[in-house]
Amino acid sequence: MTGPPTSFTYDGDPVKTHLQRCAPQPRTQSRSDSFFVYVMGPYTAFDASFAYPNAAALQSPFIEDPLFDPETHPHKTGHGTYEAALAELCDELRAEFGVRAFLATDIRTIPTKADAGPDEPGMSVLEQSIAFAACSDAVVFVFTNAGLTTGAGSEVGAILGEFQLRRGHPREPLKPRQRIGIFQHEAFESASIEEIPYTYGIGTREFATRPALVDDIKGFLENVRREAQAGPLPKFRSY
């Protein structure tokens, strides 16, 4: 990872060092300089059985989705069913493009405040997301109707605001907009997500199928690499 140093540290080490230690490696490393892709989205799938007393009458309590499969994904992790769908997407990005795609839960040397032991300071979920996004070469947000998006949607706004990306912000952006990609299923509806292009100047991309999503992310990552090679495109601008 190259670029200016950031102020993000944990347990005496820069957060980017924790990424280098923990972010899963692709099976084949085609480039000498590792390319880190932080993937974000909901970790929990919407389950109607928790919300409606008559959900048992439904064919399935889950929403049909291009990423989440209720028959397999709940068993890939001990919790957070949609997290498993995102983890599988990261697997595919690593295999297809040789990038170090990762979720926040992959960085096990930085526990959340809730998971930290008595002798560990921990780092809040939002602090982790801001730090991981700042230190990554590219950030990918994924939204579909199958996930509970309240937390992930809040993180989008918090991260973009923290990086001073709001249109008309009096200070220079801390992370280039080109390094942030927001991908939403064509059936997904969220007024706050749909207004991101107008508020933050970052376009959203719609997809219909999982292969289409992977292709869209590929194009996004290729653009990031191309722009970084053509001229200065820092990962994060320190104050």
C-alpha atoms as a PDB file:
ATOM      1  CA  MET A   1       0.000   0.000   0.000  1.00  0.00           C
ATOM      2  CA  THR A   2       1.348   3.376  -0.965  1.00  0.00           C
ATOM      3  CA  GLY A   3       0.314   6.940  -0.320  1.00  0.00           C
ATOM      4  CA  PRO A   4       0.496   9.408   2.535  1.00  0.00           C
ATOM      5  CA  PRO A   5       0.412   8.106   6.112  1.00  0.00           C
ATOM      6  CA  THR A   6      -2.855   8.315   8.014  1.00  0.00           C
ATOM      7  CA  SER A   7      -3.502   8.933  11.690  1.00  0.00           C
ATOM      8  CA  PHE A   8      -5.464   5.690  12.029  1.00  0.00           C
ATOM      9  CA  THR A   9      -3.789   3.344  14.500  1.00  0.00           C
ATOM     10  CA  TYR A  10      -4.725   0.509  16.844  1.00  0.00           C
ATOM     11  CA  ASP A  11      -2.645  -1.096  19.571  1.00  0.00           C
ATOM     12  CA  GLY A  12       0.421   0.887  18.514  1.00  0.00           C
ATOM     13  CA  ASP A  13       0.303  -0.111  14.833  1.00  0.00           C
ATOM     14  CA  PRO A  14      -1.153   1.710  11.836  1.00  0.00           C
ATOM     15  CA  VAL A  15      -4.491   0.275  10.761  1.00  0.00           C
ATOM     16  CA  LYS A  16      -3.005  -0.410   7.323  1.00  0.00           C
ATOM     17  CA  THR A  17      -0.553  -2.800   9.030  1.00  0.00           C
ATOM     18  CA  HIS A  18      -3.509  -4.724  10.465  1.00  0.00           C
ATOM     19  CA  LEU A  19      -4.986  -4.919   6.954  1.00  0.00           C
ATOM     20  CA  GLN A  20      -1.731  -6.293   5.601  1.00  0.00           C
ATOM     21  CA  ARG A  21      -1.726  -8.946   8.347  1.00  0.00           C
ATOM     22  CA  CYS A  22      -5.366  -9.999   8.173  1.00  0.00           C
ATOM     23  CA  ALA A  23      -7.016  -9.199   4.842  1.00  0.00           C
ATOM     24  CA  PRO A  24      -7.343 -12.496   2.946  1.00  0.00           C
ATOM     25  CA  GLN A  25      -4.865 -13.058   0.143  1.00  0.00           C
ATOM     26  CA  PRO A  26      -6.002 -13.979  -3.369  1.00  0.00           C
ATOM     27  CA  ARG A  27      -5.008 -17.445  -4.479  1.00  0.00           C
ATOM     28  CA  THR A  28      -2.777 -15.929  -7.156  1.00  0.00           C
ATOM     29  CA  GLN A  29      -1.070 -12.593  -6.614  1.00  0.00           C
ATOM     30  CA  SER A  30      -0.641 -11.012 -10.044  1.00  0.00           C
ATOM     31  CA  ARG A  31       0.704  -7.681  -8.818  1.00  0.00           C
ATOM     32  CA  SER A  32       3.603  -6.917  -6.520  1.00  0.00           C
ATOM     33  CA  ASP A  33       1.655  -4.109  -4.832  1.00  0.00           C
ATOM     34  CA  SER A  34      -1.394  -5.489  -2.995  1.00  0.00           C
ATOM     35  CA  PHE A  35      -4.687  -3.787  -3.867  1.00  0.00           C
ATOM     36  CA  PHE A  36      -7.025  -3.608  -0.869  1.00  0.00           C
ATOM     37  CA  VAL A  37     -10.790  -3.474  -1.454  1.00  0.00           C
ATOM     38  CA  TYR A  38     -13.021  -2.862   1.564  1.00  0.00           C
ATOM     39  CA  VAL A  39     -16.479  -4.353   0.929  1.00  0.00           C
ATOM     40  CA  MET A  40     -19.391  -3.028   2.962  1.00  0.00           C
ATOM     41  CA  GLY A  41     -23.076  -3.859   3.176  1.00  0.00           C
ATOM     42  CA  PRO A  42     -25.654  -5.253   5.621  1.00  0.00           C
ATOM     43  CA  TYR A  43     -24.508  -8.215   7.698  1.00  0.00           C
ATOM     44  CA  THR A  44     -27.984  -9.432   8.663  1.00  0.00           C
ATOM     45  CA  ALA A  45     -30.665 -10.663   6.280  1.00  0.00           C
ATOM     46  CA  PHE A  46     -34.274  -9.568   6.707  1.00  0.00           C
ATOM     47  CA  ASP A  47     -36.185 -12.472   8.286  1.00  0.00           C
ATOM     48  CA  ALA A  48     -39.959 -12.024   8.275  1.00  0.00           C
ATOM     49  CA  SER A  49     -40.376 -14.537  11.108  1.00  0.00           C
ATOM     50  CA  PHE A  50     -38.935 -11.947  13.489  1.00  0.00           C
ATOM     51  CA  ALA A  51     -41.243  -9.192  12.273  1.00  0.00           C
ATOM     52  CA  TYR A  52     -44.603 -10.854  11.546  1.00  0.00           C
ATOM     53  CA  PRO A  53     -46.486 -13.416  13.664  1.00  0.00           C
ATOM     54  CA  ASN A  54     -47.974 -15.119  10.589  1.00  0.00           C
ATOM     55  CA  ALA A  55     -44.642 -15.442   8.727  1.00  0.00           C
ATOM     56  CA  ALA A  56     -44.869 -19.236   8.926  1.00  0.00           C
ATOM     57  CA  ALA A  57     -47.496 -19.076   6.185  1.00  0.00           C
ATOM     58  CA  LEU A  58     -44.932 -17.668   3.767  1.00  0.00           C
ATOM     59  CA  GLN A  59     -43.065 -19.930   1.375  1.00  0.00           C
ATOM     60  CA  SER A  60     -39.865 -18.394   2.788  1.00  0.00           C
ATOM     61  CA  PRO A  61     -39.327 -15.724   5.470  1.00  0.00           C
ATOM     62  CA  PHE A  62     -36.460 -14.336   3.370  1.00  0.00           C
ATOM     63  CA  ILE A  63     -36.559 -12.057   0.337  1.00  0.00           C
ATOM     64  CA  GLU A  64     -35.488 -13.566  -2.973  1.00  0.00           C
ATOM     65  CA  ASP A  65     -32.132 -12.039  -3.768  1.00  0.00           C
ATOM     66  CA  PRO A  66     -29.280 -12.252  -6.310  1.00  0.00           C
ATOM     67  CA  LEU A  67     -26.626 -12.505  -3.569  1.00  0.00           C
ATOM     68  CA  PHE A  68     -28.189 -14.033  -0.472  1.00  0.00           C
ATOM     69  CA  ASP A  69     -29.228 -17.719  -0.456  1.00  0.00           C
ATOM     70  CA  PRO A  70     -31.028 -18.701   2.764  1.00  0.00           C
ATOM     71  CA  GLU A  71     -30.328 -22.395   2.136  1.00  0.00           C
ATOM     72  CA  THR A  72     -26.543 -22.013   2.355  1.00  0.00           C
ATOM     73  CA  HIS A  73     -25.410 -18.654   3.655  1.00  0.00           C
ATOM     74  CA  PRO A  74     -26.700 -18.910   7.255  1.00  0.00           C
ATOM     75  CA  HIS A  75     -24.268 -21.788   7.820  1.00  0.00           C
ATOM     76  CA  LYS A  76     -21.115 -20.079   6.584  1.00  0.00           C
ATOM     77  CA  THR A  77     -20.746 -17.853   9.640  1.00  0.00           C
ATOM     78  CA  GLY A  78     -21.981 -18.178  13.165  1.00  0.00           C
ATOM     79  CA  HIS A  79     -24.090 -15.026  12.881  1.00  0.00           C
ATOM     80  CA  GLY A  80     -25.218 -12.374  10.440  1.00  0.00           C
ATOM     81  CA  THR A  81     -26.564 -14.386   7.534  1.00  0.00           C
ATOM     82  CA  TYR A  82     -26.104 -11.694   4.885  1.00  0.00           C
ATOM     83  CA  GLU A  83     -22.498 -11.335   5.991  1.00  0.00           C
ATOM     84  CA  ALA A  84     -21.861 -14.755   4.466  1.00  0.00           C
ATOM     85  CA  ALA A  85     -23.166 -13.538   1.091  1.00  0.00           C
ATOM     86  CA  LEU A  86     -20.748 -10.601   1.223  1.00  0.00           C
ATOM     87  CA  ALA A  87     -17.913 -12.915   2.264  1.00  0.00           C
ATOM     88  CA  GLU A  88     -18.650 -15.090  -0.763  1.00  0.00           C
ATOM     89  CA  LEU A  89     -18.580 -11.989  -2.975  1.00  0.00           C
ATOM     90  CA  CYS A  90     -15.155 -11.120  -1.544  1.00  0.00           C
ATOM     91  CA  ASP A  91     -13.986 -14.664  -2.348  1.00  0.00           C
ATOM     92  CA  GLU A  92     -15.029 -14.160  -5.954  1.00  0.00           C
ATOM     93  CA  LEU A  93     -13.367 -10.741  -6.233  1.00  0.00           C
ATOM     94  CA  ARG A  94     -10.108 -12.179  -4.890  1.00  0.00           C
ATOM     95  CA  ALA A  95     -10.260 -15.134  -7.281  1.00  0.00           C
ATOM     96  CA  GLU A  96     -11.277 -13.134 -10.352  1.00  0.00           C
ATOM     97  CA  PHE A  97      -9.221  -9.968  -9.963  1.00  0.00           C
ATOM     98  CA  GLY A  98      -6.344 -10.774  -7.586  1.00  0.00           C
ATOM     99  CA  VAL A  99      -7.347  -8.068  -5.098  1.00  0.00           C
ATOM    100  CA  ARG A 100      -7.383  -8.346  -1.308  1.00  0.00           C
ATOM    101  CA  ALA A 101     -11.122  -7.886  -0.900  1.00  0.00           C
ATOM    102  CA  PHE A 102     -12.165  -8.040   2.748  1.00  0.00           C
ATOM    103  CA  LEU A 103     -14.942  -7.415   5.263  1.00  0.00           C
ATOM    104  CA  ALA A 104     -14.470  -5.629   8.566  1.00  0.00           C
ATOM    105  CA  THR A 105     -14.837  -8.979  10.356  1.00  0.00           C
ATOM    106  CA  ASP A 106     -11.781 -10.318   8.512  1.00  0.00           C
ATOM    107  CA  ILE A 107      -9.532  -7.905  10.444  1.00  0.00           C
ATOM    108  CA  ARG A 108      -9.483  -9.974  13.612  1.00  0.00           C
ATOM    109  CA  THR A 109      -6.598  -8.133  15.279  1.00  0.00           C
ATOM    110  CA  ILE A 110      -8.912  -5.130  15.781  1.00  0.00           C
ATOM    111  CA  PRO A 111     -11.910  -6.130  17.920  1.00  0.00           C
ATOM    112  CA  THR A 112     -15.025  -4.019  18.239  1.00  0.00           C
ATOM    113  CA  LYS A 113     -15.767  -2.364  21.570  1.00  0.00           C
ATOM    114  CA  ALA A 114     -18.313  -5.114  22.276  1.00  0.00           C
ATOM    115  CA  ASP A 115     -15.865  -7.925  21.479  1.00  0.00           C
ATOM    116  CA  ALA A 116     -12.757  -6.478  23.116  1.00  0.00           C
ATOM    117  CA  GLY A 117     -11.389  -8.246  26.162  1.00  0.00           C
ATOM    118  CA  PRO A 118     -10.835  -6.542  29.508  1.00  0.00           C
ATOM    119  CA  ASP A 119      -7.289  -5.538  28.576  1.00  0.00           C
ATOM    120  CA  GLU A 120      -8.093  -4.351  25.019  1.00  0.00           C
ATOM    121  CA  PRO A 121      -9.346  -0.895  24.051  1.00  0.00           C
ATOM    122  CA  GLY A 122     -11.305  -2.126  21.040  1.00  0.00           C
ATOM    123  CA  MET A 123     -12.505   0.088  18.213  1.00  0.00           C
ATOM    124  CA  SER A 124     -16.134   0.917  17.583  1.00  0.00           C
ATOM    125  CA  VAL A 125     -17.784  -0.450  14.448  1.00  0.00           C
ATOM    126  CA  LEU A 126     -18.028   3.008  12.901  1.00  0.00           C
ATOM    127  CA  GLU A 127     -14.414   3.858  13.767  1.00  0.00           C
ATOM    128  CA  GLN A 128     -13.336   0.607  12.111  1.00  0.00           C
ATOM    129  CA  SER A 129     -15.304   1.350   8.966  1.00  0.00           C
ATOM    130  CA  ILE A 130     -13.864   4.841   8.640  1.00  0.00           C
ATOM    131  CA  ALA A 131     -10.307   3.581   9.196  1.00  0.00           C
ATOM    132  CA  PHE A 132     -10.629   0.606   6.829  1.00  0.00           C
ATOM    133  CA  ALA A 133     -12.170   2.791   4.132  1.00  0.00           C
ATOM    134  CA  ALA A 134      -9.446   5.412   4.529  1.00  0.00           C
ATOM    135  CA  CYS A 135      -6.638   2.867   4.216  1.00  0.00           C
ATOM    136  CA  SER A 136      -8.067   0.870   1.285  1.00  0.00           C
ATOM    137  CA  ASP A 137      -7.355   1.355  -2.398  1.00  0.00           C
ATOM    138  CA  ALA A 138     -11.068   1.065  -3.165  1.00  0.00           C
ATOM    139  CA  VAL A 139     -14.300   0.916  -1.177  1.00  0.00           C
ATOM    140  CA  VAL A 140     -17.341  -1.042  -2.381  1.00  0.00           C
ATOM    141  CA  PHE A 141     -20.820  -0.628  -0.869  1.00  0.00           C
ATOM    142  CA  VAL A 142     -23.445  -3.246  -1.855  1.00  0.00           C
ATOM    143  CA  PHE A 143     -27.179  -2.941  -1.214  1.00  0.00           C
ATOM    144  CA  THR A 144     -30.045  -5.330  -2.012  1.00  0.00           C
ATOM    145  CA  ASN A 145     -33.511  -5.734  -0.522  1.00  0.00           C
ATOM    146  CA  ALA A 146     -32.592  -8.940   1.330  1.00  0.00           C
ATOM    147  CA  GLY A 147     -30.398  -7.198   3.900  1.00  0.00           C
ATOM    148  CA  LEU A 148     -31.267  -5.046   6.893  1.00  0.00           C
ATOM    149  CA  THR A 149     -29.668  -1.871   5.612  1.00  0.00           C
ATOM    150  CA  THR A 150     -30.222   0.554   8.485  1.00  0.00           C
ATOM    151  CA  GLY A 151     -26.714   0.215   9.926  1.00  0.00           C
ATOM    152  CA  ALA A 152     -24.929  -0.012   6.583  1.00  0.00           C
ATOM    153  CA  GLY A 153     -26.834   2.999   5.262  1.00  0.00           C
ATOM    154  CA  SER A 154     -25.820   5.022   8.304  1.00  0.00           C
ATOM    155  CA  GLU A 155     -22.190   4.040   7.760  1.00  0.00           C
ATOM    156  CA  VAL A 156     -22.282   5.286   4.165  1.00  0.00           C
ATOM    157  CA  GLY A 157     -23.301   8.763   5.275  1.00  0.00           C
ATOM    158  CA  ALA A 158     -20.858   8.769   8.184  1.00  0.00           C
ATOM    159  CA  ILE A 159     -17.909   7.738   6.019  1.00  0.00           C
ATOM    160  CA  LEU A 160     -18.655  10.138   3.175  1.00  0.00           C
ATOM    161  CA  GLY A 161     -19.175  12.937   5.667  1.00  0.00           C
ATOM    162  CA  GLU A 162     -15.979  12.087   7.563  1.00  0.00           C
ATOM    163  CA  PHE A 163     -14.040  12.279   4.290  1.00  0.00           C
ATOM    164  CA  GLN A 164     -15.504  15.758   3.592  1.00  0.00           C
ATOM    165  CA  LEU A 165     -17.144  14.625   0.366  1.00  0.00           C
ATOM    166  CA  ARG A 166     -20.410  16.556   0.706  1.00  0.00           C
ATOM    167  CA  ARG A 167     -20.888  18.942  -2.184  1.00  0.00           C
ATOM    168  CA  GLY A 168     -20.030  22.465  -1.111  1.00  0.00           C
ATOM    169  CA  HIS A 169     -17.919  21.333   1.852  1.00  0.00           C
ATOM    170  CA  PRO A 170     -15.499  24.162   2.650  1.00  0.00           C
ATOM    171  CA  ARG A 171     -12.494  21.835   2.910  1.00  0.00           C
ATOM    172  CA  GLU A 172     -10.802  19.582   0.369  1.00  0.00           C
ATOM    173  CA  PRO A 173     -12.023  15.953   0.216  1.00  0.00           C
ATOM    174  CA  LEU A 174      -9.841  13.564   2.206  1.00  0.00           C
ATOM    175  CA  LYS A 175     -10.434  10.580  -0.091  1.00  0.00           C
ATOM    176  CA  PRO A 176     -10.953  10.808  -3.846  1.00  0.00           C
ATOM    177  CA  ARG A 177     -14.522  10.094  -4.927  1.00  0.00           C
ATOM    178  CA  GLN A 178     -13.159   7.849  -7.690  1.00  0.00           C
ATOM    179  CA  ARG A 179     -12.111   5.275  -5.089  1.00  0.00           C
ATOM    180  CA  ILE A 180     -15.658   4.780  -3.762  1.00  0.00           C
ATOM    181  CA  GLY A 181     -18.243   2.634  -5.555  1.00  0.00           C
ATOM    182  CA  ILE A 182     -21.888   2.191  -4.528  1.00  0.00           C
ATOM    183  CA  PHE A 183     -23.758  -0.736  -6.086  1.00  0.00           C
ATOM    184  CA  GLN A 184     -27.468  -1.368  -5.618  1.00  0.00           C
ATOM    185  CA  HIS A 185     -29.828  -4.017  -6.960  1.00  0.00           C
ATOM    186  CA  GLU A 186     -32.287  -2.662  -9.514  1.00  0.00           C
ATOM    187  CA  ALA A 187     -35.220  -3.403  -7.178  1.00  0.00           C
ATOM    188  CA  PHE A 188     -33.607  -1.755  -4.152  1.00  0.00           C
ATOM    189  CA  GLU A 189     -35.216   1.498  -3.021  1.00  0.00           C
ATOM    190  CA  SER A 190     -33.752   3.972  -0.550  1.00  0.00           C
ATOM    191  CA  ALA A 191     -34.228   7.724  -0.817  1.00  0.00           C
ATOM    192  CA  SER A 192     -31.017   8.427   1.099  1.00  0.00           C
ATOM    193  CA  ILE A 193     -28.903   6.101  -1.077  1.00  0.00           C
ATOM    194  CA  GLU A 194     -30.471   7.369  -4.287  1.00  0.00           C
ATOM    195  CA  GLU A 195     -29.619  10.960  -3.367  1.00  0.00           C
ATOM    196  CA  ILE A 196     -25.920  10.249  -2.762  1.00  0.00           C
ATOM    197  CA  PRO A 197     -24.964  11.478  -6.263  1.00  0.00           C
ATOM    198  CA  TYR A 198     -26.579  14.842  -5.541  1.00  0.00           C
ATOM    199  CA  THR A 199     -25.275  15.176  -1.984  1.00  0.00           C
ATOM    200  CA  TYR A 200     -21.780  13.708  -2.336  1.00  0.00           C
ATOM    201  CA  GLY A 201     -21.041  13.630  -6.063  1.00  0.00           C
ATOM    202  CA  ILE A 202     -20.627   9.835  -6.121  1.00  0.00           C
ATOM    203  CA  GLY A 203     -22.675   7.924  -8.666  1.00  0.00           C
ATOM    204  CA  THR A 204     -24.540   4.731  -7.802  1.00  0.00           C
ATOM    205  CA  ARG A 205     -24.551   1.696 -10.094  1.00  0.00           C
ATOM    206  CA  GLU A 206     -27.513  -0.647 -10.532  1.00  0.00           C
ATOM    207  CA  PHE A 207     -27.228  -4.378 -11.204  1.00  0.00           C
ATOM    208  CA  ALA A 208     -29.736  -7.134 -11.920  1.00  0.00           C
ATOM    209  CA  THR A 209     -27.760 -10.315 -11.262  1.00  0.00           C
ATOM    210  CA  ARG A 210     -24.733 -11.440  -9.306  1.00  0.00           C
ATOM    211  CA  PRO A 211     -22.574 -11.837 -12.476  1.00  0.00           C
ATOM    212  CA  ALA A 212     -23.592  -8.325 -13.508  1.00  0.00           C
ATOM    213  CA  LEU A 213     -22.525  -7.017 -10.095  1.00  0.00           C
ATOM    214  CA  VAL A 214     -19.127  -8.703 -10.384  1.00  0.00           C
ATOM    215  CA  ASP A 215     -18.673  -7.222 -13.868  1.00  0.00           C
ATOM    216  CA  ASP A 216     -19.637  -3.768 -12.598  1.00  0.00           C
ATOM    217  CA  ILE A 217     -17.174  -4.006  -9.707  1.00  0.00           C
ATOM    218  CA  LYS A 218     -14.484  -5.158 -12.143  1.00  0.00           C
ATOM    219  CA  GLY A 219     -15.034  -2.074 -14.278  1.00  0.00           C
ATOM    220  CA  PHE A 220     -14.945   0.141 -11.194  1.00  0.00           C
ATOM    221  CA  LEU A 221     -11.669  -1.372  -9.946  1.00  0.00           C
ATOM    222  CA  GLU A 222     -10.079  -1.109 -13.390  1.00  0.00           C
ATOM    223  CA  ASN A 223     -10.977   2.592 -13.502  1.00  0.00           C
ATOM    224  CA  VAL A 224      -9.437   3.144 -10.068  1.00  0.00           C
ATOM    225  CA  ARG A 225      -6.211   1.401 -11.115  1.00  0.00           C
ATOM    226  CA  ARG A 226      -6.096   3.290 -14.400  1.00  0.00           C
ATOM    227  CA  GLU A 227      -6.550   6.686 -12.746  1.00  0.00           C
ATOM    228  CA  ALA A 228      -4.001   5.852 -10.042  1.00  0.00           C
ATOM    229  CA  GLN A 229      -1.446   4.964 -12.720  1.00  0.00           C
ATOM    230  CA  ALA A 230      -2.185   8.063 -14.790  1.00  0.00           C
ATOM    231  CA  GLY A 231      -1.588  10.559 -11.998  1.00  0.00           C
ATOM    232  CA  PRO A 232      -1.802  11.261  -8.277  1.00  0.00           C
ATOM    233  CA  LEU A 233      -4.811   9.518  -6.752  1.00  0.00           C
ATOM    234  CA  PRO A 234      -4.083   9.277  -3.029  1.00  0.00           C
ATOM    235  CA  LYS A 235      -5.889   6.775  -0.848  1.00  0.00           C
ATOM    236  CA  PHE A 236      -6.347   9.377   1.868  1.00  0.00           C
ATOM    237  CA  ARG A 237      -5.243  12.967   2.331  1.00  0.00           C
ATOM    238  CA  SER A 238      -4.034  13.745   5.827  1.00  0.00           C
ATOM    239  CA  TYR A 239      -4.869  17.119   7.304  1.00  0.00           C
END
